Amino acid sequence: MDFSTIFNGEALTLEQFTERTASMKLADLSTGDYVAKGKAEDYKGKVKALEAQIAERDNTIAALEQAKGNAEAIQAELDKYRQAEAERTRKEQEAQADAILTRVAEEAIADKKFVNDYTRDHFVQAIKTALNDPANRGKGAAELFAEMTKDATGIFVNPQQEPLKIAPVGGKNQHYTHEQIRAMTPDEINANFDAIKASLKGES
């Protein structure tokens, strides 16, 4: 707007200025009323739309954070399950492999007479360990056992030292006289010891 037509080069009083601008729409800039009403409403709408977008974004972020936490918890449980299942499978496979090795070792010494079960169990374990050693690849259990016991002594029962199994001379309730007892060999006495003891107690 050209304000020169209002003043016409004159110095106006407030009353004259008010009179000449009475038909004009003027705004007091000090109050902030310098934007057209239509534009102001448009700006307010845009502000509300932006606020709604921000609120929606915040809600989405919150939902994603919550879902992330649940996903991590679920993933942790899945990882724990997979680990436990892998450990169970590993132990099962080890048990199966150990059972196979035990059977192979026991078959290799099945005809051997050891001095005691402790010695036998020792060599069963020794054979299993040797079979698992890559250095012994290609060797069988019998071959490995032969190598272990090549120069060893005191492992097997000596047939010459094994006690003879003598059958009892009489029945379980047999009564023996002193003459019969004196005629027995030491092995027969051992075999009939209980009956002999009972006979001696019964005689005067």
N, C-alpha and C. Protein backbone atom coordinates (compact mmCIF):
# COMPACT_ATOMS: atom_id res chain seq x y z
N MET A 1 0.87 -1.19 0.00
CA MET A 1 0.00 0.00 0.00
C MET A 1 0.90 1.23 0.00
N ASP A 2 0.52 2.18 -0.82
CA ASP A 2 1.27 3.45 -0.91
C ASP A 2 0.70 4.45 0.07
N PHE A 3 1.43 4.69 1.17
CA PHE A 3 0.96 5.61 2.21
C PHE A 3 1.16 7.07 1.84
N SER A 4 1.81 7.33 0.69
CA SER A 4 2.03 8.75 0.30
C SER A 4 0.72 9.46 -0.03
N THR A 5 -0.28 8.68 -0.48
CA THR A 5 -1.58 9.28 -0.81
C THR A 5 -2.32 9.71 0.44
N ILE A 6 -1.92 9.14 1.59
CA ILE A 6 -2.58 9.49 2.85
C ILE A 6 -2.04 10.83 3.35
N PHE A 7 -0.71 10.96 3.26
CA PHE A 7 -0.09 12.16 3.84
C PHE A 7 -0.05 13.34 2.86
N ASN A 8 0.12 13.03 1.55
CA ASN A 8 0.23 14.11 0.56
C ASN A 8 1.27 15.15 0.97
N GLY A 9 2.31 14.71 1.54
CA GLY A 9 3.38 15.62 1.94
C GLY A 9 3.04 16.44 3.17
N GLU A 10 1.94 16.15 3.79
CA GLU A 10 1.54 16.94 4.95
C GLU A 10 1.91 16.20 6.24
N ALA A 11 2.02 16.96 7.28
CA ALA A 11 2.21 16.40 8.62
C ALA A 11 0.84 16.29 9.25
N LEU A 12 0.40 15.08 9.53
CA LEU A 12 -0.96 14.85 10.03
C LEU A 12 -0.93 14.65 11.54
N THR A 13 -2.02 15.08 12.12
CA THR A 13 -2.23 14.79 13.54
C THR A 13 -2.79 13.37 13.64
N LEU A 14 -2.84 12.86 14.84
CA LEU A 14 -3.36 11.51 15.03
C LEU A 14 -4.81 11.42 14.59
N GLU A 15 -5.58 12.49 14.89
CA GLU A 15 -6.98 12.48 14.50
C GLU A 15 -7.12 12.44 12.98
N GLN A 16 -6.24 13.27 12.28
CA GLN A 16 -6.31 13.30 10.82
C GLN A 16 -5.90 11.93 10.22
N PHE A 17 -4.87 11.32 10.83
CA PHE A 17 -4.40 10.02 10.33
C PHE A 17 -5.48 8.95 10.51
N THR A 18 -6.13 8.96 11.66
CA THR A 18 -7.18 8.00 11.94
C THR A 18 -8.35 8.17 10.99
N GLU A 19 -8.66 9.41 10.72
CA GLU A 19 -9.79 9.70 9.82
C GLU A 19 -9.50 9.20 8.42
N ARG A 20 -8.29 9.50 7.91
CA ARG A 20 -7.96 9.11 6.54
C ARG A 20 -7.76 7.59 6.38
N THR A 21 -7.45 6.89 7.44
CA THR A 21 -7.22 5.43 7.33
C THR A 21 -8.37 4.62 7.90
N ALA A 22 -9.49 5.27 8.15
CA ALA A 22 -10.63 4.57 8.76
C ALA A 22 -11.14 3.43 7.90
N SER A 23 -11.05 3.61 6.58
CA SER A 23 -11.57 2.58 5.68
C SER A 23 -10.54 1.48 5.38
N MET A 24 -9.36 1.63 5.91
CA MET A 24 -8.30 0.65 5.65
C MET A 24 -8.23 -0.39 6.79
N LYS A 25 -7.78 -1.62 6.46
CA LYS A 25 -7.59 -2.66 7.46
C LYS A 25 -6.13 -2.69 7.87
N LEU A 26 -5.89 -2.18 9.04
CA LEU A 26 -4.53 -2.12 9.55
C LEU A 26 -4.36 -3.08 10.73
N ALA A 27 -3.16 -3.59 10.95
CA ALA A 27 -2.88 -4.52 12.05
C ALA A 27 -1.80 -3.96 12.93
N ASP A 28 -1.92 -4.25 14.22
CA ASP A 28 -0.92 -3.83 15.19
C ASP A 28 0.16 -4.91 15.24
N LEU A 29 1.32 -4.57 14.67
CA LEU A 29 2.39 -5.58 14.60
C LEU A 29 2.91 -5.97 15.98
N SER A 30 2.73 -5.13 16.94
CA SER A 30 3.24 -5.42 18.28
C SER A 30 2.50 -6.58 18.93
N THR A 31 1.30 -6.87 18.44
CA THR A 31 0.52 -7.98 19.00
C THR A 31 0.75 -9.26 18.23
N GLY A 32 1.54 -9.21 17.16
CA GLY A 32 1.79 -10.40 16.35
C GLY A 32 0.73 -10.64 15.31
N ASP A 33 -0.23 -9.73 15.20
CA ASP A 33 -1.32 -9.91 14.24
C ASP A 33 -0.90 -9.34 12.90
N TYR A 34 0.13 -10.03 12.29
CA TYR A 34 0.62 -9.54 11.00
C TYR A 34 0.52 -10.60 9.93
N VAL A 35 -0.09 -11.74 10.24
CA VAL A 35 -0.28 -12.80 9.26
C VAL A 35 -1.76 -12.90 8.97
N ALA A 36 -2.09 -13.06 7.72
CA ALA A 36 -3.49 -13.18 7.34
C ALA A 36 -4.12 -14.35 8.07
N LYS A 37 -5.41 -14.22 8.40
CA LYS A 37 -6.12 -15.23 9.18
C LYS A 37 -6.12 -16.58 8.47
N GLY A 38 -6.29 -16.57 7.17
CA GLY A 38 -6.33 -17.82 6.42
C GLY A 38 -5.00 -18.56 6.50
N LYS A 39 -3.91 -17.76 6.36
CA LYS A 39 -2.59 -18.37 6.44
C LYS A 39 -2.31 -18.89 7.84
N ALA A 40 -2.76 -18.15 8.84
CA ALA A 40 -2.54 -18.57 10.22
C ALA A 40 -3.22 -19.91 10.49
N GLU A 41 -4.46 -20.04 9.99
CA GLU A 41 -5.16 -21.31 10.17
C GLU A 41 -4.44 -22.45 9.46
N ASP A 42 -3.89 -22.12 8.31
CA ASP A 42 -3.15 -23.13 7.54
C ASP A 42 -1.91 -23.58 8.31
N TYR A 43 -1.21 -22.59 8.90
CA TYR A 43 -0.02 -22.90 9.70
C TYR A 43 -0.38 -23.77 10.92
N LYS A 44 -1.49 -23.41 11.56
CA LYS A 44 -1.92 -24.18 12.72
C LYS A 44 -2.20 -25.63 12.33
N GLY A 45 -2.82 -25.82 11.17
CA GLY A 45 -3.12 -27.18 10.70
C GLY A 45 -1.84 -27.97 10.45
N LYS A 46 -0.86 -27.26 9.86
CA LYS A 46 0.41 -27.94 9.58
C LYS A 46 1.13 -28.31 10.87
N VAL A 47 1.06 -27.41 11.85
CA VAL A 47 1.69 -27.68 13.14
C VAL A 47 1.06 -28.90 13.80
N LYS A 48 -0.28 -28.96 13.77
CA LYS A 48 -0.97 -30.10 14.35
C LYS A 48 -0.61 -31.40 13.63
N ALA A 49 -0.49 -31.33 12.30
CA ALA A 49 -0.12 -32.51 11.53
C ALA A 49 1.28 -32.98 11.90
N LEU A 50 2.20 -32.00 12.05
CA LEU A 50 3.57 -32.34 12.44
C LEU A 50 3.61 -32.94 13.85
N GLU A 51 2.81 -32.35 14.74
CA GLU A 51 2.75 -32.89 16.10
C GLU A 51 2.23 -34.32 16.11
N ALA A 52 1.22 -34.59 15.25
CA ALA A 52 0.67 -35.94 15.15
C ALA A 52 1.72 -36.91 14.61
N GLN A 53 2.50 -36.44 13.62
CA GLN A 53 3.54 -37.29 13.05
C GLN A 53 4.63 -37.61 14.09
N ILE A 54 4.97 -36.58 14.87
CA ILE A 54 5.98 -36.77 15.91
C ILE A 54 5.48 -37.76 16.96
N ALA A 55 4.20 -37.60 17.34
CA ALA A 55 3.62 -38.52 18.33
C ALA A 55 3.61 -39.95 17.80
N GLU A 56 3.24 -40.09 16.53
CA GLU A 56 3.20 -41.42 15.91
C GLU A 56 4.60 -42.02 15.84
N ARG A 57 5.57 -41.16 15.52
CA ARG A 57 6.96 -41.63 15.46
C ARG A 57 7.43 -42.12 16.82
N ASP A 58 7.11 -41.32 17.87
CA ASP A 58 7.50 -41.70 19.22
C ASP A 58 6.86 -43.02 19.64
N ASN A 59 5.57 -43.19 19.28
CA ASN A 59 4.89 -44.43 19.60
C ASN A 59 5.51 -45.62 18.87
N THR A 60 5.87 -45.39 17.62
CA THR A 60 6.50 -46.45 16.84
C THR A 60 7.85 -46.84 17.42
N ILE A 61 8.62 -45.81 17.81
CA ILE A 61 9.93 -46.09 18.41
C ILE A 61 9.77 -46.87 19.70
N ALA A 62 8.79 -46.47 20.52
CA ALA A 62 8.55 -47.16 21.78
C ALA A 62 8.14 -48.61 21.53
N ALA A 63 7.29 -48.82 20.53
CA ALA A 63 6.84 -50.17 20.22
C ALA A 63 8.00 -51.02 19.71
N LEU A 64 8.86 -50.41 18.89
CA LEU A 64 10.03 -51.14 18.37
C LEU A 64 10.99 -51.49 19.49
N GLU A 65 11.18 -50.57 20.42
CA GLU A 65 12.06 -50.84 21.56
C GLU A 65 11.53 -52.00 22.39
N GLN A 66 10.20 -52.00 22.60
CA GLN A 66 9.60 -53.08 23.37
C GLN A 66 9.72 -54.41 22.63
N ALA A 67 9.45 -54.37 21.34
CA ALA A 67 9.57 -55.58 20.54
C ALA A 67 11.00 -56.08 20.50
N LYS A 68 11.94 -55.13 20.47
CA LYS A 68 13.35 -55.49 20.47
C LYS A 68 13.71 -56.24 21.73
N GLY A 69 13.21 -55.77 22.86
CA GLY A 69 13.47 -56.44 24.13
C GLY A 69 12.91 -57.85 24.13
N ASN A 70 11.68 -58.00 23.63
CA ASN A 70 11.06 -59.33 23.58
C ASN A 70 11.83 -60.24 22.63
N ALA A 71 12.24 -59.68 21.51
CA ALA A 71 12.97 -60.47 20.52
C ALA A 71 14.30 -60.95 21.11
N GLU A 72 14.97 -60.08 21.86
CA GLU A 72 16.23 -60.47 22.47
C GLU A 72 16.02 -61.56 23.51
N ALA A 73 14.93 -61.45 24.28
CA ALA A 73 14.64 -62.46 25.29
C ALA A 73 14.33 -63.80 24.63
N ILE A 74 13.52 -63.74 23.56
CA ILE A 74 13.20 -64.96 22.83
C ILE A 74 14.45 -65.56 22.20
N GLN A 75 15.28 -64.69 21.63
CA GLN A 75 16.52 -65.17 21.01
C GLN A 75 17.44 -65.82 22.04
N ALA A 76 17.48 -65.21 23.23
CA ALA A 76 18.31 -65.76 24.30
C ALA A 76 17.83 -67.15 24.70
N GLU A 77 16.49 -67.32 24.79
CA GLU A 77 15.94 -68.62 25.13
C GLU A 77 16.23 -69.65 24.04
N LEU A 78 16.12 -69.20 22.78
CA LEU A 78 16.41 -70.10 21.67
C LEU A 78 17.88 -70.52 21.68
N ASP A 79 18.76 -69.56 21.95
CA ASP A 79 20.19 -69.87 22.01
C ASP A 79 20.48 -70.85 23.14
N LYS A 80 19.81 -70.64 24.28
CA LYS A 80 20.00 -71.54 25.43
C LYS A 80 19.53 -72.95 25.09
N TYR A 81 18.38 -73.02 24.41
CA TYR A 81 17.84 -74.33 24.03
C TYR A 81 18.77 -75.03 23.04
N ARG A 82 19.25 -74.26 22.04
CA ARG A 82 20.15 -74.85 21.05
C ARG A 82 21.42 -75.36 21.72
N GLN A 83 21.95 -74.59 22.67
CA GLN A 83 23.16 -74.99 23.37
C GLN A 83 22.94 -76.27 24.19
N ALA A 84 21.80 -76.32 24.90
CA ALA A 84 21.49 -77.50 25.70
C ALA A 84 21.29 -78.72 24.81
N GLU A 85 20.62 -78.52 23.67
CA GLU A 85 20.39 -79.63 22.75
C GLU A 85 21.69 -80.12 22.14
N ALA A 86 22.58 -79.17 21.81
CA ALA A 86 23.88 -79.54 21.26
C ALA A 86 24.70 -80.32 22.30
N GLU A 87 24.63 -79.89 23.56
CA GLU A 87 25.35 -80.58 24.63
C GLU A 87 24.79 -81.99 24.84
N ARG A 88 23.45 -82.11 24.81
CA ARG A 88 22.83 -83.42 24.97
C ARG A 88 23.23 -84.35 23.84
N THR A 89 23.21 -83.82 22.61
CA THR A 89 23.60 -84.63 21.45
C THR A 89 25.06 -85.06 21.55
N ARG A 90 25.92 -84.13 21.99
CA ARG A 90 27.34 -84.44 22.13
C ARG A 90 27.56 -85.57 23.14
N LYS A 91 26.90 -85.48 24.30
CA LYS A 91 27.05 -86.50 25.32
C LYS A 91 26.51 -87.85 24.84
N GLU A 92 25.41 -87.80 24.10
CA GLU A 92 24.82 -89.03 23.58
C GLU A 92 25.77 -89.70 22.59
N GLN A 93 26.37 -88.89 21.72
CA GLN A 93 27.31 -89.43 20.74
C GLN A 93 28.56 -89.98 21.43
N GLU A 94 29.03 -89.27 22.47
CA GLU A 94 30.20 -89.76 23.21
C GLU A 94 29.89 -91.07 23.91
N ALA A 95 28.68 -91.18 24.48
CA ALA A 95 28.30 -92.42 25.16
C ALA A 95 28.23 -93.58 24.17
N GLN A 96 27.68 -93.33 22.98
CA GLN A 96 27.59 -94.36 21.97
C GLN A 96 28.98 -94.80 21.51
N ALA A 97 29.86 -93.82 21.29
CA ALA A 97 31.23 -94.13 20.87
C ALA A 97 31.96 -94.92 21.96
N ASP A 98 31.75 -94.53 23.22
CA ASP A 98 32.40 -95.22 24.33
C ASP A 98 31.90 -96.66 24.44
N ALA A 99 30.59 -96.85 24.24
CA ALA A 99 30.04 -98.20 24.31
C ALA A 99 30.63 -99.09 23.21
N ILE A 100 30.81 -98.53 22.02
CA ILE A 100 31.41 -99.30 20.91
C ILE A 100 32.85 -99.66 21.24
N LEU A 101 33.62 -98.70 21.75
CA LEU A 101 35.01 -98.96 22.09
C LEU A 101 35.13 -100.00 23.20
N THR A 102 34.22 -99.91 24.18
CA THR A 102 34.23 -100.88 25.28
C THR A 102 33.99 -102.29 24.76
N ARG A 103 33.01 -102.42 23.86
CA ARG A 103 32.70 -103.74 23.30
C ARG A 103 33.89 -104.28 22.51
N VAL A 104 34.54 -103.42 21.72
CA VAL A 104 35.69 -103.85 20.93
C VAL A 104 36.84 -104.29 21.84
N ALA A 105 37.10 -103.51 22.90
CA ALA A 105 38.17 -103.85 23.83
C ALA A 105 37.89 -105.15 24.56
N GLU A 106 36.65 -105.33 25.01
CA GLU A 106 36.30 -106.54 25.75
C GLU A 106 36.37 -107.79 24.86
N GLU A 107 36.01 -107.63 23.60
CA GLU A 107 36.10 -108.77 22.68
C GLU A 107 37.56 -109.16 22.44
N ALA A 108 38.46 -108.16 22.48
CA ALA A 108 39.88 -108.43 22.23
C ALA A 108 40.52 -109.22 23.37
N ILE A 109 39.98 -109.14 24.58
CA ILE A 109 40.56 -109.83 25.74
C ILE A 109 39.60 -110.86 26.33
N ALA A 110 38.60 -111.24 25.55
CA ALA A 110 37.55 -112.12 26.07
C ALA A 110 38.11 -113.46 26.55
N ASP A 111 39.17 -113.96 25.91
CA ASP A 111 39.72 -115.28 26.27
C ASP A 111 40.87 -115.20 27.26
N LYS A 112 41.13 -114.00 27.79
CA LYS A 112 42.24 -113.83 28.72
C LYS A 112 41.76 -113.97 30.16
N LYS A 113 42.59 -114.62 30.99
CA LYS A 113 42.29 -114.77 32.41
C LYS A 113 43.22 -113.87 33.21
N PHE A 114 42.68 -112.75 33.65
CA PHE A 114 43.47 -111.81 34.41
C PHE A 114 43.51 -112.22 35.88
N VAL A 115 44.50 -111.70 36.58
CA VAL A 115 44.65 -112.05 37.99
C VAL A 115 43.49 -111.50 38.81
N ASN A 116 42.86 -110.39 38.36
CA ASN A 116 41.70 -109.84 39.06
C ASN A 116 40.95 -108.90 38.12
N ASP A 117 39.78 -108.50 38.54
CA ASP A 117 38.94 -107.63 37.72
C ASP A 117 39.55 -106.24 37.56
N TYR A 118 40.28 -105.79 38.57
CA TYR A 118 40.91 -104.47 38.48
C TYR A 118 41.88 -104.42 37.30
N THR A 119 42.68 -105.46 37.16
CA THR A 119 43.64 -105.52 36.05
C THR A 119 42.91 -105.57 34.72
N ARG A 120 41.85 -106.37 34.67
CA ARG A 120 41.08 -106.47 33.43
C ARG A 120 40.49 -105.11 33.04
N ASP A 121 39.86 -104.41 33.99
CA ASP A 121 39.26 -103.10 33.71
C ASP A 121 40.32 -102.09 33.28
N HIS A 122 41.51 -102.21 33.87
CA HIS A 122 42.59 -101.30 33.49
C HIS A 122 42.92 -101.43 32.01
N PHE A 123 43.03 -102.66 31.53
CA PHE A 123 43.39 -102.86 30.14
C PHE A 123 42.24 -102.55 29.18
N VAL A 124 41.01 -102.71 29.64
CA VAL A 124 39.88 -102.28 28.81
C VAL A 124 39.97 -100.79 28.54
N GLN A 125 40.23 -100.01 29.60
CA GLN A 125 40.36 -98.57 29.44
C GLN A 125 41.59 -98.21 28.62
N ALA A 126 42.68 -98.92 28.83
CA ALA A 126 43.92 -98.64 28.09
C ALA A 126 43.74 -98.88 26.60
N ILE A 127 43.02 -99.95 26.26
CA ILE A 127 42.76 -100.25 24.84
C ILE A 127 41.89 -99.17 24.22
N LYS A 128 40.85 -98.73 24.94
CA LYS A 128 39.96 -97.68 24.44
C LYS A 128 40.74 -96.39 24.19
N THR A 129 41.63 -96.04 25.11
CA THR A 129 42.44 -94.83 24.94
C THR A 129 43.36 -94.96 23.74
N ALA A 130 43.95 -96.13 23.59
CA ALA A 130 44.87 -96.35 22.46
C ALA A 130 44.14 -96.31 21.13
N LEU A 131 42.93 -96.84 21.08
CA LEU A 131 42.15 -96.82 19.84
C LEU A 131 41.80 -95.39 19.43
N ASN A 132 41.65 -94.50 20.40
CA ASN A 132 41.33 -93.10 20.11
C ASN A 132 42.54 -92.28 19.73
N ASP A 133 43.73 -92.83 19.93
CA ASP A 133 44.96 -92.09 19.64
C ASP A 133 45.24 -92.14 18.14
N PRO A 134 45.33 -90.97 17.47
CA PRO A 134 45.61 -90.96 16.02
C PRO A 134 46.90 -91.68 15.66
N ALA A 135 47.84 -91.76 16.59
CA ALA A 135 49.11 -92.43 16.31
C ALA A 135 48.92 -93.93 16.08
N ASN A 136 47.81 -94.47 16.57
CA ASN A 136 47.56 -95.90 16.43
C ASN A 136 46.58 -96.22 15.31
N ARG A 137 46.38 -95.27 14.43
CA ARG A 137 45.44 -95.48 13.34
C ARG A 137 45.86 -96.70 12.51
N GLY A 138 44.90 -97.56 12.25
CA GLY A 138 45.19 -98.76 11.47
C GLY A 138 45.44 -99.99 12.32
N LYS A 139 45.62 -99.80 13.63
CA LYS A 139 45.87 -100.93 14.51
C LYS A 139 44.57 -101.37 15.18
N GLY A 140 44.42 -102.69 15.35
CA GLY A 140 43.23 -103.21 16.00
C GLY A 140 43.42 -103.34 17.49
N ALA A 141 42.33 -103.63 18.19
CA ALA A 141 42.38 -103.73 19.64
C ALA A 141 43.28 -104.87 20.10
N ALA A 142 43.21 -106.02 19.41
CA ALA A 142 44.03 -107.16 19.80
C ALA A 142 45.51 -106.86 19.63
N GLU A 143 45.84 -106.18 18.54
CA GLU A 143 47.24 -105.83 18.30
C GLU A 143 47.75 -104.86 19.37
N LEU A 144 46.94 -103.87 19.72
CA LEU A 144 47.34 -102.91 20.74
C LEU A 144 47.51 -103.59 22.09
N PHE A 145 46.61 -104.53 22.41
CA PHE A 145 46.72 -105.22 23.69
C PHE A 145 47.98 -106.07 23.73
N ALA A 146 48.31 -106.70 22.62
CA ALA A 146 49.53 -107.51 22.56
C ALA A 146 50.76 -106.65 22.80
N GLU A 147 50.77 -105.45 22.24
CA GLU A 147 51.89 -104.54 22.45
C GLU A 147 51.99 -104.12 23.91
N MET A 148 50.84 -103.89 24.55
CA MET A 148 50.84 -103.44 25.95
C MET A 148 51.36 -104.52 26.90
N THR A 149 51.06 -105.77 26.57
CA THR A 149 51.37 -106.86 27.51
C THR A 149 52.55 -107.72 27.06
N LYS A 150 53.30 -107.23 26.10
CA LYS A 150 54.39 -108.04 25.52
C LYS A 150 55.36 -108.51 26.58
N ASP A 151 55.85 -107.62 27.41
CA ASP A 151 56.85 -107.99 28.42
C ASP A 151 56.31 -107.87 29.84
N ALA A 152 55.01 -107.74 29.96
CA ALA A 152 54.41 -107.55 31.29
C ALA A 152 54.27 -108.89 32.01
N THR A 153 54.37 -108.84 33.33
CA THR A 153 54.20 -110.03 34.16
C THR A 153 53.16 -109.76 35.25
N GLY A 154 52.63 -110.81 35.79
CA GLY A 154 51.68 -110.66 36.88
C GLY A 154 50.31 -110.18 36.44
N ILE A 155 50.02 -110.31 35.15
CA ILE A 155 48.74 -109.84 34.62
C ILE A 155 47.74 -110.99 34.52
N PHE A 156 48.24 -112.14 34.05
CA PHE A 156 47.35 -113.27 33.83
C PHE A 156 47.52 -114.31 34.93
N VAL A 157 46.49 -115.11 35.10
CA VAL A 157 46.53 -116.21 36.06
C VAL A 157 47.50 -117.28 35.56
N ASN A 158 48.39 -117.76 36.45
CA ASN A 158 49.32 -118.84 36.10
C ASN A 158 48.61 -120.17 36.33
N PRO A 159 48.40 -120.95 35.28
CA PRO A 159 47.67 -122.22 35.44
C PRO A 159 48.30 -123.14 36.48
N GLN A 160 49.62 -123.07 36.61
CA GLN A 160 50.28 -123.95 37.56
C GLN A 160 50.01 -123.53 39.01
N GLN A 161 49.67 -122.24 39.20
CA GLN A 161 49.40 -121.75 40.53
C GLN A 161 47.91 -121.67 40.85
N GLU A 162 47.08 -121.95 39.87
CA GLU A 162 45.64 -121.87 40.07
C GLU A 162 45.18 -123.04 40.91
N PRO A 163 44.41 -122.81 41.96
CA PRO A 163 43.96 -123.90 42.84
C PRO A 163 43.11 -124.91 42.07
N LEU A 164 43.32 -126.20 42.40
CA LEU A 164 42.53 -127.25 41.78
C LEU A 164 41.13 -127.27 42.38
N LYS A 165 40.17 -127.48 41.54
CA LYS A 165 38.79 -127.54 42.00
C LYS A 165 38.44 -129.00 42.28
N ILE A 166 38.45 -129.38 43.56
CA ILE A 166 38.19 -130.76 43.96
C ILE A 166 36.74 -130.89 44.39
N ALA A 167 36.08 -131.86 43.83
CA ALA A 167 34.69 -132.09 44.20
C ALA A 167 34.62 -132.70 45.59
N PRO A 168 33.61 -132.37 46.35
CA PRO A 168 33.47 -132.96 47.69
C PRO A 168 33.41 -134.48 47.61
N VAL A 169 34.00 -135.11 48.64
CA VAL A 169 34.04 -136.57 48.66
C VAL A 169 32.64 -137.13 48.90
N GLY A 170 31.91 -136.54 49.81
CA GLY A 170 30.55 -136.99 50.11
C GLY A 170 29.56 -135.89 49.86
N GLY A 171 28.36 -136.05 50.38
CA GLY A 171 27.33 -135.04 50.22
C GLY A 171 27.52 -133.90 51.20
N LYS A 172 26.59 -132.96 51.15
CA LYS A 172 26.68 -131.78 52.00
C LYS A 172 26.63 -132.14 53.49
N ASN A 173 25.84 -133.13 53.81
CA ASN A 173 25.67 -133.54 55.21
C ASN A 173 26.47 -134.81 55.54
N GLN A 174 27.49 -135.08 54.73
CA GLN A 174 28.30 -136.28 54.94
C GLN A 174 29.01 -136.21 56.30
N HIS A 175 29.02 -137.37 57.00
CA HIS A 175 29.72 -137.47 58.28
C HIS A 175 31.00 -138.28 58.07
N TYR A 176 32.14 -137.70 58.45
CA TYR A 176 33.41 -138.35 58.23
C TYR A 176 34.00 -138.83 59.55
N THR A 177 34.64 -140.02 59.48
CA THR A 177 35.36 -140.53 60.65
C THR A 177 36.77 -139.99 60.62
N HIS A 178 37.48 -140.18 61.73
CA HIS A 178 38.86 -139.72 61.77
C HIS A 178 39.70 -140.43 60.72
N GLU A 179 39.43 -141.69 60.49
CA GLU A 179 40.21 -142.44 59.50
C GLU A 179 39.99 -141.86 58.09
N GLN A 180 38.73 -141.54 57.80
CA GLN A 180 38.44 -140.98 56.47
C GLN A 180 39.12 -139.61 56.30
N ILE A 181 39.09 -138.84 57.33
CA ILE A 181 39.71 -137.51 57.25
C ILE A 181 41.21 -137.63 57.05
N ARG A 182 41.86 -138.55 57.80
CA ARG A 182 43.30 -138.71 57.67
C ARG A 182 43.69 -139.23 56.29
N ALA A 183 42.76 -139.92 55.61
CA ALA A 183 43.05 -140.48 54.29
C ALA A 183 42.87 -139.45 53.16
N MET A 184 42.29 -138.28 53.50
CA MET A 184 42.04 -137.24 52.47
C MET A 184 43.32 -136.48 52.14
N THR A 185 43.37 -136.05 50.89
CA THR A 185 44.45 -135.15 50.47
C THR A 185 44.13 -133.74 50.96
N PRO A 186 45.12 -132.83 50.97
CA PRO A 186 44.84 -131.44 51.37
C PRO A 186 43.75 -130.79 50.53
N ASP A 187 43.76 -131.07 49.23
CA ASP A 187 42.73 -130.47 48.38
C ASP A 187 41.35 -131.00 48.73
N GLU A 188 41.25 -132.28 49.07
CA GLU A 188 39.97 -132.85 49.45
C GLU A 188 39.49 -132.30 50.78
N ILE A 189 40.44 -132.07 51.68
CA ILE A 189 40.08 -131.47 52.96
C ILE A 189 39.51 -130.06 52.75
N ASN A 190 40.18 -129.29 51.88
CA ASN A 190 39.68 -127.92 51.59
C ASN A 190 38.28 -127.97 50.97
N ALA A 191 38.07 -128.95 50.08
CA ALA A 191 36.78 -129.04 49.41
C ALA A 191 35.67 -129.50 50.36
N ASN A 192 36.02 -130.24 51.39
CA ASN A 192 35.02 -130.79 52.31
C ASN A 192 35.15 -130.21 53.71
N PHE A 193 35.72 -129.01 53.79
CA PHE A 193 36.08 -128.45 55.08
C PHE A 193 34.87 -128.33 56.02
N ASP A 194 33.77 -127.79 55.52
CA ASP A 194 32.59 -127.59 56.39
C ASP A 194 32.06 -128.90 56.93
N ALA A 195 31.99 -129.91 56.06
CA ALA A 195 31.47 -131.22 56.50
C ALA A 195 32.43 -131.87 57.49
N ILE A 196 33.73 -131.69 57.25
CA ILE A 196 34.73 -132.26 58.17
C ILE A 196 34.61 -131.60 59.53
N LYS A 197 34.47 -130.28 59.56
CA LYS A 197 34.36 -129.55 60.82
C LYS A 197 33.13 -130.00 61.59
N ALA A 198 32.03 -130.18 60.87
CA ALA A 198 30.80 -130.66 61.52
C ALA A 198 30.99 -132.07 62.07
N SER A 199 31.73 -132.91 61.32
CA SER A 199 31.95 -134.29 61.77
C SER A 199 32.80 -134.31 63.03
N LEU A 200 33.81 -133.48 63.08
CA LEU A 200 34.70 -133.45 64.24
C LEU A 200 33.96 -132.95 65.48
N LYS A 201 33.05 -132.00 65.30
CA LYS A 201 32.28 -131.50 66.43
C LYS A 201 31.32 -132.56 66.94
N GLY A 202 30.89 -133.45 66.05
CA GLY A 202 29.89 -134.44 66.45
C GLY A 202 30.51 -135.64 67.11
N GLU A 203 31.83 -135.80 66.90
CA GLU A 203 32.48 -136.97 67.50
C GLU A 203 33.06 -136.62 68.86
N SER A 204 33.09 -137.56 69.74
CA SER A 204 33.65 -137.35 71.07
C SER A 204 35.15 -137.62 71.07
